[in-house]
């Protein structure tokens, strides 16, 4: 999950998820699950299914590359 620009709130979370093989992801189900476990402002409005999450050389999530990916997606919309 990364923070992305939002016109009203300055920034909101966006989720990038990798599905387990041969499964489908329903953003509404994911949103419903999270809403039972975290504050509602933490629940992402935008969900993106990707084949892999970019990682740094030490294996951490590469949030900078995810933000670049998000900008590319936003530019195409």
PDB file of N, CA and C in Angstrom:
ATOM      1  N   UNK A   1       0.846  -1.153   0.000  1.00  0.00           N
ATOM      2  CA  UNK A   1       0.000   0.000   0.000  1.00  0.00           C
ATOM      3  C   UNK A   1       0.908   1.237   0.000  1.00  0.00           C
ATOM      4  N   UNK A   2       0.508   2.214  -0.790  1.00  0.00           N
ATOM      5  CA  UNK A   2       1.254   3.471  -0.845  1.00  0.00           C
ATOM      6  C   UNK A   2       0.275   4.633  -0.745  1.00  0.00           C
ATOM      7  N   UNK A   3       0.778   5.785  -0.360  1.00  0.00           N
ATOM      8  CA  UNK A   3      -0.024   6.991  -0.378  1.00  0.00           C
ATOM      9  C   UNK A   3       0.074   7.638  -1.752  1.00  0.00           C
ATOM     10  N   UNK A   4      -1.066   8.033  -2.287  1.00  0.00           N
ATOM     11  CA  UNK A   4      -1.090   8.682  -3.599  1.00  0.00           C
ATOM     12  C   UNK A   4      -1.876   9.989  -3.490  1.00  0.00           C
ATOM     13  N   UNK A   5      -1.584  10.944  -4.364  1.00  0.00           N
ATOM     14  CA  UNK A   5      -2.275  12.238  -4.303  1.00  0.00           C
ATOM     15  C   UNK A   5      -3.794  12.089  -4.424  1.00  0.00           C
ATOM     16  N   UNK A   6      -4.499  12.922  -3.665  1.00  0.00           N
ATOM     17  CA  UNK A   6      -5.962  12.939  -3.687  1.00  0.00           C
ATOM     18  C   UNK A   6      -6.414  14.389  -3.659  1.00  0.00           C
ATOM     19  N   UNK A   7      -7.376  14.775  -4.501  1.00  0.00           N
ATOM     20  CA  UNK A   7      -7.767  16.183  -4.585  1.00  0.00           C
ATOM     21  C   UNK A   7      -8.368  16.742  -3.292  1.00  0.00           C
ATOM     22  N   UNK A   8      -9.070  15.939  -2.542  1.00  0.00           N
ATOM     23  CA  UNK A   8      -9.730  16.433  -1.328  1.00  0.00           C
ATOM     24  C   UNK A   8      -8.862  16.241  -0.082  1.00  0.00           C
ATOM     25  N   UNK A   9      -8.238  15.083   0.051  1.00  0.00           N
ATOM     26  CA  UNK A   9      -7.534  14.727   1.280  1.00  0.00           C
ATOM     27  C   UNK A   9      -6.012  14.849   1.158  1.00  0.00           C
ATOM     28  N   UNK A  10      -5.519  15.403   0.079  1.00  0.00           N
ATOM     29  CA  UNK A  10      -4.084  15.520  -0.201  1.00  0.00           C
ATOM     30  C   UNK A  10      -3.467  14.170  -0.534  1.00  0.00           C
ATOM     31  N   UNK A  11      -3.750  13.153   0.276  1.00  0.00           N
ATOM     32  CA  UNK A  11      -3.184  11.831   0.024  1.00  0.00           C
ATOM     33  C   UNK A  11      -4.121  10.758   0.570  1.00  0.00           C
ATOM     34  N   UNK A  12      -4.233   9.662  -0.174  1.00  0.00           N
ATOM     35  CA  UNK A  12      -5.050   8.509   0.236  1.00  0.00           C
ATOM     36  C   UNK A  12      -4.273   7.244  -0.091  1.00  0.00           C
ATOM     37  N   UNK A  13      -4.576   6.139   0.613  1.00  0.00           N
ATOM     38  CA  UNK A  13      -3.875   4.901   0.303  1.00  0.00           C
ATOM     39  C   UNK A  13      -4.383   4.263  -0.994  1.00  0.00           C
ATOM     40  N   UNK A  14      -3.460   3.648  -1.709  1.00  0.00           N
ATOM     41  CA  UNK A  14      -3.790   2.832  -2.879  1.00  0.00           C
ATOM     42  C   UNK A  14      -3.113   1.482  -2.649  1.00  0.00           C
ATOM     43  N   UNK A  15      -3.824   0.424  -2.927  1.00  0.00           N
ATOM     44  CA  UNK A  15      -3.298  -0.922  -2.680  1.00  0.00           C
ATOM     45  C   UNK A  15      -2.887  -1.584  -3.986  1.00  0.00           C
ATOM     46  N   UNK A  16      -1.730  -2.191  -3.949  1.00  0.00           N
ATOM     47  CA  UNK A  16      -1.239  -3.010  -5.056  1.00  0.00           C
ATOM     48  C   UNK A  16      -1.135  -4.426  -4.525  1.00  0.00           C
ATOM     49  N   UNK A  17      -1.837  -5.346  -5.158  1.00  0.00           N
ATOM     50  CA  UNK A  17      -1.896  -6.720  -4.656  1.00  0.00           C
ATOM     51  C   UNK A  17      -1.506  -7.705  -5.754  1.00  0.00           C
ATOM     52  N   UNK A  18      -0.914  -8.805  -5.313  1.00  0.00           N
ATOM     53  CA  UNK A  18      -0.544  -9.895  -6.206  1.00  0.00           C
ATOM     54  C   UNK A  18      -1.420 -11.083  -5.829  1.00  0.00           C
ATOM     55  N   UNK A  19      -2.271 -11.539  -6.743  1.00  0.00           N
ATOM     56  CA  UNK A  19      -3.134 -12.680  -6.405  1.00  0.00           C
ATOM     57  C   UNK A  19      -2.342 -13.978  -6.328  1.00  0.00           C
ATOM     58  N   UNK A  20      -2.823 -14.869  -5.484  1.00  0.00           N
ATOM     59  CA  UNK A  20      -2.271 -16.210  -5.425  1.00  0.00           C
ATOM     60  C   UNK A  20      -2.675 -16.912  -6.717  1.00  0.00           C
ATOM     61  N   UNK A  21      -1.857 -17.795  -7.198  1.00  0.00           N
ATOM     62  CA  UNK A  21      -2.124 -18.492  -8.464  1.00  0.00           C
ATOM     63  C   UNK A  21      -3.552 -19.007  -8.557  1.00  0.00           C
ATOM     64  N   UNK A  22      -4.159 -18.783  -9.690  1.00  0.00           N
ATOM     65  CA  UNK A  22      -5.488 -19.296 -10.033  1.00  0.00           C
ATOM     66  C   UNK A  22      -6.585 -18.791  -9.097  1.00  0.00           C
ATOM     67  N   UNK A  23      -6.432 -17.584  -8.591  1.00  0.00           N
ATOM     68  CA  UNK A  23      -7.497 -16.984  -7.798  1.00  0.00           C
ATOM     69  C   UNK A  23      -7.835 -15.626  -8.396  1.00  0.00           C
ATOM     70  N   UNK A  24      -9.018 -15.156  -8.096  1.00  0.00           N
ATOM     71  CA  UNK A  24      -9.400 -13.821  -8.529  1.00  0.00           C
ATOM     72  C   UNK A  24      -9.573 -12.953  -7.289  1.00  0.00           C
ATOM     73  N   UNK A  25      -9.342 -11.676  -7.457  1.00  0.00           N
ATOM     74  CA  UNK A  25      -9.474 -10.748  -6.347  1.00  0.00           C
ATOM     75  C   UNK A  25     -10.648  -9.824  -6.601  1.00  0.00           C
ATOM     76  N   UNK A  26     -11.477  -9.669  -5.600  1.00  0.00           N
ATOM     77  CA  UNK A  26     -12.603  -8.757  -5.676  1.00  0.00           C
ATOM     78  C   UNK A  26     -12.313  -7.585  -4.747  1.00  0.00           C
ATOM     79  N   UNK A  27     -12.092  -6.390  -5.301  1.00  0.00           N
ATOM     80  CA  UNK A  27     -11.787  -5.239  -4.459  1.00  0.00           C
ATOM     81  C   UNK A  27     -12.824  -4.986  -3.366  1.00  0.00           C
ATOM     82  N   UNK A  28     -14.088  -5.247  -3.656  1.00  0.00           N
ATOM     83  CA  UNK A  28     -15.124  -5.041  -2.636  1.00  0.00           C
ATOM     84  C   UNK A  28     -14.943  -5.995  -1.453  1.00  0.00           C
ATOM     85  N   UNK A  29     -14.570  -7.241  -1.731  1.00  0.00           N
ATOM     86  CA  UNK A  29     -14.317  -8.191  -0.648  1.00  0.00           C
ATOM     87  C   UNK A  29     -13.100  -7.769   0.161  1.00  0.00           C
ATOM     88  N   UNK A  30     -12.057  -7.318  -0.520  1.00  0.00           N
ATOM     89  CA  UNK A  30     -10.861  -6.856   0.176  1.00  0.00           C
ATOM     90  C   UNK A  30     -11.174  -5.630   1.028  1.00  0.00           C
ATOM     91  N   UNK A  31     -11.934  -4.713   0.473  1.00  0.00           N
ATOM     92  CA  UNK A  31     -12.322  -3.497   1.188  1.00  0.00           C
ATOM     93  C   UNK A  31     -13.149  -3.855   2.424  1.00  0.00           C
ATOM     94  N   UNK A  32     -14.079  -4.778   2.263  1.00  0.00           N
ATOM     95  CA  UNK A  32     -14.926  -5.209   3.374  1.00  0.00           C
ATOM     96  C   UNK A  32     -14.091  -5.862   4.480  1.00  0.00           C
ATOM     97  N   UNK A  33     -13.163  -6.723   4.091  1.00  0.00           N
ATOM     98  CA  UNK A  33     -12.296  -7.376   5.067  1.00  0.00           C
ATOM     99  C   UNK A  33     -11.492  -6.340   5.851  1.00  0.00           C
ATOM    100  N   UNK A  34     -10.863  -5.413   5.126  1.00  0.00           N
ATOM    101  CA  UNK A  34     -10.033  -4.412   5.798  1.00  0.00           C
ATOM    102  C   UNK A  34     -10.853  -3.498   6.701  1.00  0.00           C
ATOM    103  N   UNK A  35     -12.064  -3.160   6.285  1.00  0.00           N
ATOM    104  CA  UNK A  35     -12.882  -2.235   7.080  1.00  0.00           C
ATOM    105  C   UNK A  35     -13.218  -2.804   8.447  1.00  0.00           C
ATOM    106  N   UNK A  36     -13.144  -4.114   8.601  1.00  0.00           N
ATOM    107  CA  UNK A  36     -13.381  -4.749   9.901  1.00  0.00           C
ATOM    108  C   UNK A  36     -12.131  -4.756  10.773  1.00  0.00           C
ATOM    109  N   UNK A  37     -10.969  -4.433  10.187  1.00  0.00           N
ATOM    110  CA  UNK A  37      -9.717  -4.559  10.921  1.00  0.00           C
ATOM    111  C   UNK A  37      -8.932  -3.265  11.097  1.00  0.00           C
ATOM    112  N   UNK A  38      -9.230  -2.250  10.306  1.00  0.00           N
ATOM    113  CA  UNK A  38      -8.483  -0.991  10.390  1.00  0.00           C
ATOM    114  C   UNK A  38      -9.456   0.189  10.340  1.00  0.00           C
ATOM    115  N   UNK A  39      -8.950   1.363  10.677  1.00  0.00           N
ATOM    116  CA  UNK A  39      -9.766   2.576  10.590  1.00  0.00           C
ATOM    117  C   UNK A  39     -10.207   2.805   9.148  1.00  0.00           C
ATOM    118  N   UNK A  40     -11.394   3.383   8.981  1.00  0.00           N
ATOM    119  CA  UNK A  40     -11.942   3.496   7.615  1.00  0.00           C
ATOM    120  C   UNK A  40     -11.094   4.371   6.706  1.00  0.00           C
ATOM    121  N   UNK A  41     -10.367   5.337   7.256  1.00  0.00           N
ATOM    122  CA  UNK A  41      -9.536   6.180   6.390  1.00  0.00           C
ATOM    123  C   UNK A  41      -8.266   5.470   5.939  1.00  0.00           C
ATOM    124  N   UNK A  42      -7.993   4.284   6.489  1.00  0.00           N
ATOM    125  CA  UNK A  42      -6.861   3.469   6.033  1.00  0.00           C
ATOM    126  C   UNK A  42      -7.244   2.551   4.881  1.00  0.00           C
ATOM    127  N   UNK A  43      -8.528   2.360   4.667  1.00  0.00           N
ATOM    128  CA  UNK A  43      -8.988   1.433   3.626  1.00  0.00           C
ATOM    129  C   UNK A  43      -8.825   2.113   2.264  1.00  0.00           C
ATOM    130  N   UNK A  44      -8.056   1.503   1.356  1.00  0.00           N
ATOM    131  CA  UNK A  44      -7.821   2.108   0.040  1.00  0.00           C
ATOM    132  C   UNK A  44      -9.088   2.215  -0.792  1.00  0.00           C
ATOM    133  N   UNK A  45      -9.168   3.295  -1.548  1.00  0.00           N
ATOM    134  CA  UNK A  45     -10.237   3.456  -2.531  1.00  0.00           C
ATOM    135  C   UNK A  45      -9.854   2.758  -3.828  1.00  0.00           C
ATOM    136  N   UNK A  46      -8.566   2.778  -4.134  1.00  0.00           N
ATOM    137  CA  UNK A  46      -8.070   2.205  -5.388  1.00  0.00           C
ATOM    138  C   UNK A  46      -7.295   0.927  -5.115  1.00  0.00           C
ATOM    139  N   UNK A  47      -7.617  -0.096  -5.901  1.00  0.00           N
ATOM    140  CA  UNK A  47      -6.955  -1.400  -5.795  1.00  0.00           C
ATOM    141  C   UNK A  47      -6.419  -1.762  -7.168  1.00  0.00           C
ATOM    142  N   UNK A  48      -5.177  -2.209  -7.216  1.00  0.00           N
ATOM    143  CA  UNK A  48      -4.550  -2.572  -8.472  1.00  0.00           C
ATOM    144  C   UNK A  48      -3.958  -3.965  -8.348  1.00  0.00           C
ATOM    145  N   UNK A  49      -4.286  -4.816  -9.293  1.00  0.00           N
ATOM    146  CA  UNK A  49      -3.744  -6.173  -9.322  1.00  0.00           C
ATOM    147  C   UNK A  49      -2.509  -6.151 -10.214  1.00  0.00           C
ATOM    148  N   UNK A  50      -1.391  -6.603  -9.674  1.00  0.00           N
ATOM    149  CA  UNK A  50      -0.127  -6.625 -10.411  1.00  0.00           C
ATOM    150  C   UNK A  50       0.469  -8.023 -10.330  1.00  0.00           C
ATOM    151  N   UNK A  51       1.373  -8.320 -11.239  1.00  0.00           N
ATOM    152  CA  UNK A  51       1.982  -9.654 -11.243  1.00  0.00           C
ATOM    153  C   UNK A  51       3.069  -9.787 -10.191  1.00  0.00           C
ATOM    154  N   UNK A  52       3.696  -8.661  -9.830  1.00  0.00           N
ATOM    155  CA  UNK A  52       4.688  -8.693  -8.759  1.00  0.00           C
ATOM    156  C   UNK A  52       4.838  -7.299  -8.168  1.00  0.00           C
ATOM    157  N   UNK A  53       5.275  -7.259  -6.921  1.00  0.00           N
ATOM    158  CA  UNK A  53       5.527  -6.006  -6.227  1.00  0.00           C
ATOM    159  C   UNK A  53       7.013  -5.699  -6.364  1.00  0.00           C
ATOM    160  N   UNK A  54       7.357  -4.511  -6.835  1.00  0.00           N
ATOM    161  CA  UNK A  54       8.789  -4.185  -6.958  1.00  0.00           C
ATOM    162  C   UNK A  54       9.442  -4.122  -5.571  1.00  0.00           C
ATOM    163  N   UNK A  55      10.655  -4.608  -5.499  1.00  0.00           N
ATOM    164  CA  UNK A  55      11.387  -4.626  -4.227  1.00  0.00           C
ATOM    165  C   UNK A  55      12.747  -3.969  -4.400  1.00  0.00           C
ATOM    166  N   UNK A  56      13.284  -3.485  -3.275  1.00  0.00           N
ATOM    167  CA  UNK A  56      14.622  -2.895  -3.277  1.00  0.00           C
ATOM    168  C   UNK A  56      15.660  -4.008  -3.267  1.00  0.00           C
ATOM    169  N   UNK A  57      16.918  -3.639  -3.289  1.00  0.00           N
ATOM    170  CA  UNK A  57      17.993  -4.636  -3.294  1.00  0.00           C
ATOM    171  C   UNK A  57      18.044  -5.455  -2.005  1.00  0.00           C
ATOM    172  N   UNK A  58      17.452  -4.941  -0.931  1.00  0.00           N
ATOM    173  CA  UNK A  58      17.445  -5.692   0.332  1.00  0.00           C
ATOM    174  C   UNK A  58      16.103  -6.379   0.584  1.00  0.00           C
ATOM    175  N   UNK A  59      15.202  -6.338  -0.406  1.00  0.00           N
ATOM    176  CA  UNK A  59      13.949  -7.079  -0.327  1.00  0.00           C
ATOM    177  C   UNK A  59      12.758  -6.313   0.215  1.00  0.00           C
ATOM    178  N   UNK A  60      12.942  -5.038   0.545  1.00  0.00           N
ATOM    179  CA  UNK A  60      11.810  -4.243   1.027  1.00  0.00           C
ATOM    180  C   UNK A  60      10.962  -3.788  -0.159  1.00  0.00           C
ATOM    181  N   UNK A  61       9.698  -3.438   0.129  1.00  0.00           N
ATOM    182  CA  UNK A  61       8.840  -2.904  -0.925  1.00  0.00           C
ATOM    183  C   UNK A  61       9.450  -1.611  -1.446  1.00  0.00           C
ATOM    184  N   UNK A  62       9.508  -1.483  -2.740  1.00  0.00           N
ATOM    185  CA  UNK A  62      10.071  -0.288  -3.356  1.00  0.00           C
ATOM    186  C   UNK A  62       8.926   0.690  -3.626  1.00  0.00           C
ATOM    187  N   UNK A  63       8.621   1.510  -2.621  1.00  0.00           N
ATOM    188  CA  UNK A  63       7.492   2.424  -2.726  1.00  0.00           C
ATOM    189  C   UNK A  63       7.715   3.482  -3.801  1.00  0.00           C
ATOM    190  N   UNK A  64       8.958   3.861  -4.048  1.00  0.00           N
ATOM    191  CA  UNK A  64       9.220   4.831  -5.115  1.00  0.00           C
ATOM    192  C   UNK A  64       8.821   4.267  -6.468  1.00  0.00           C
ATOM    193  N   UNK A  65       9.176   3.022  -6.727  1.00  0.00           N
ATOM    194  CA  UNK A  65       8.774   2.399  -8.008  1.00  0.00           C
ATOM    195  C   UNK A  65       7.271   2.205  -8.075  1.00  0.00           C
ATOM    196  N   UNK A  66       6.631   1.887  -6.936  1.00  0.00           N
ATOM    197  CA  UNK A  66       5.174   1.766  -6.927  1.00  0.00           C
ATOM    198  C   UNK A  66       4.519   3.114  -7.239  1.00  0.00           C
ATOM    199  N   UNK A  67       5.068   4.197  -6.694  1.00  0.00           N
ATOM    200  CA  UNK A  67       4.529   5.523  -6.993  1.00  0.00           C
ATOM    201  C   UNK A  67       4.700   5.862  -8.477  1.00  0.00           C
ATOM    202  N   UNK A  68       5.846   5.487  -9.054  1.00  0.00           N
ATOM    203  CA  UNK A  68       6.048   5.690 -10.496  1.00  0.00           C
ATOM    204  C   UNK A  68       5.016   4.907 -11.293  1.00  0.00           C
ATOM    205  N   UNK A  69       4.795   3.654 -10.897  1.00  0.00           N
ATOM    206  CA  UNK A  69       3.794   2.814 -11.553  1.00  0.00           C
ATOM    207  C   UNK A  69       2.420   3.472 -11.447  1.00  0.00           C
ATOM    208  N   UNK A  70       2.115   4.008 -10.278  1.00  0.00           N
ATOM    209  CA  UNK A  70       0.816   4.649 -10.080  1.00  0.00           C
ATOM    210  C   UNK A  70       0.674   5.889 -10.971  1.00  0.00           C
ATOM    211  N   UNK A  71       1.740   6.677 -11.076  1.00  0.00           N
ATOM    212  CA  UNK A  71       1.694   7.858 -11.957  1.00  0.00           C
ATOM    213  C   UNK A  71       1.462   7.433 -13.401  1.00  0.00           C
ATOM    214  N   UNK A  72       2.127   6.340 -13.833  1.00  0.00           N
ATOM    215  CA  UNK A  72       1.928   5.843 -15.195  1.00  0.00           C
ATOM    216  C   UNK A  72       0.478   5.424 -15.418  1.00  0.00           C
ATOM    217  N   UNK A  73      -0.095   4.744 -14.443  1.00  0.00           N
ATOM    218  CA  UNK A  73      -1.490   4.297 -14.555  1.00  0.00           C
ATOM    219  C   UNK A  73      -2.408   5.510 -14.588  1.00  0.00           C
ATOM    220  N   UNK A  74      -2.163   6.483 -13.718  1.00  0.00           N
ATOM    221  CA  UNK A  74      -3.014   7.689 -13.661  1.00  0.00           C
ATOM    222  C   UNK A  74      -2.921   8.483 -14.963  1.00  0.00           C
ATOM    223  N   UNK A  75      -1.733   8.524 -15.557  1.00  0.00           N
ATOM    224  CA  UNK A  75      -1.571   9.257 -16.822  1.00  0.00           C
ATOM    225  C   UNK A  75      -2.359   8.613 -17.958  1.00  0.00           C
ATOM    226  N   UNK A  76      -2.530   7.292 -17.904  1.00  0.00           N
ATOM    227  CA  UNK A  76      -3.263   6.579 -18.958  1.00  0.00           C
ATOM    228  C   UNK A  76      -4.776   6.719 -18.812  1.00  0.00           C
ATOM    229  N   UNK A  77      -5.239   7.109 -17.631  1.00  0.00           N
ATOM    230  CA  UNK A  77      -6.700   7.187 -17.407  1.00  0.00           C
ATOM    231  C   UNK A  77      -7.254   8.505 -17.787  1.00  0.00           C
TER     232      UNK A  77
END
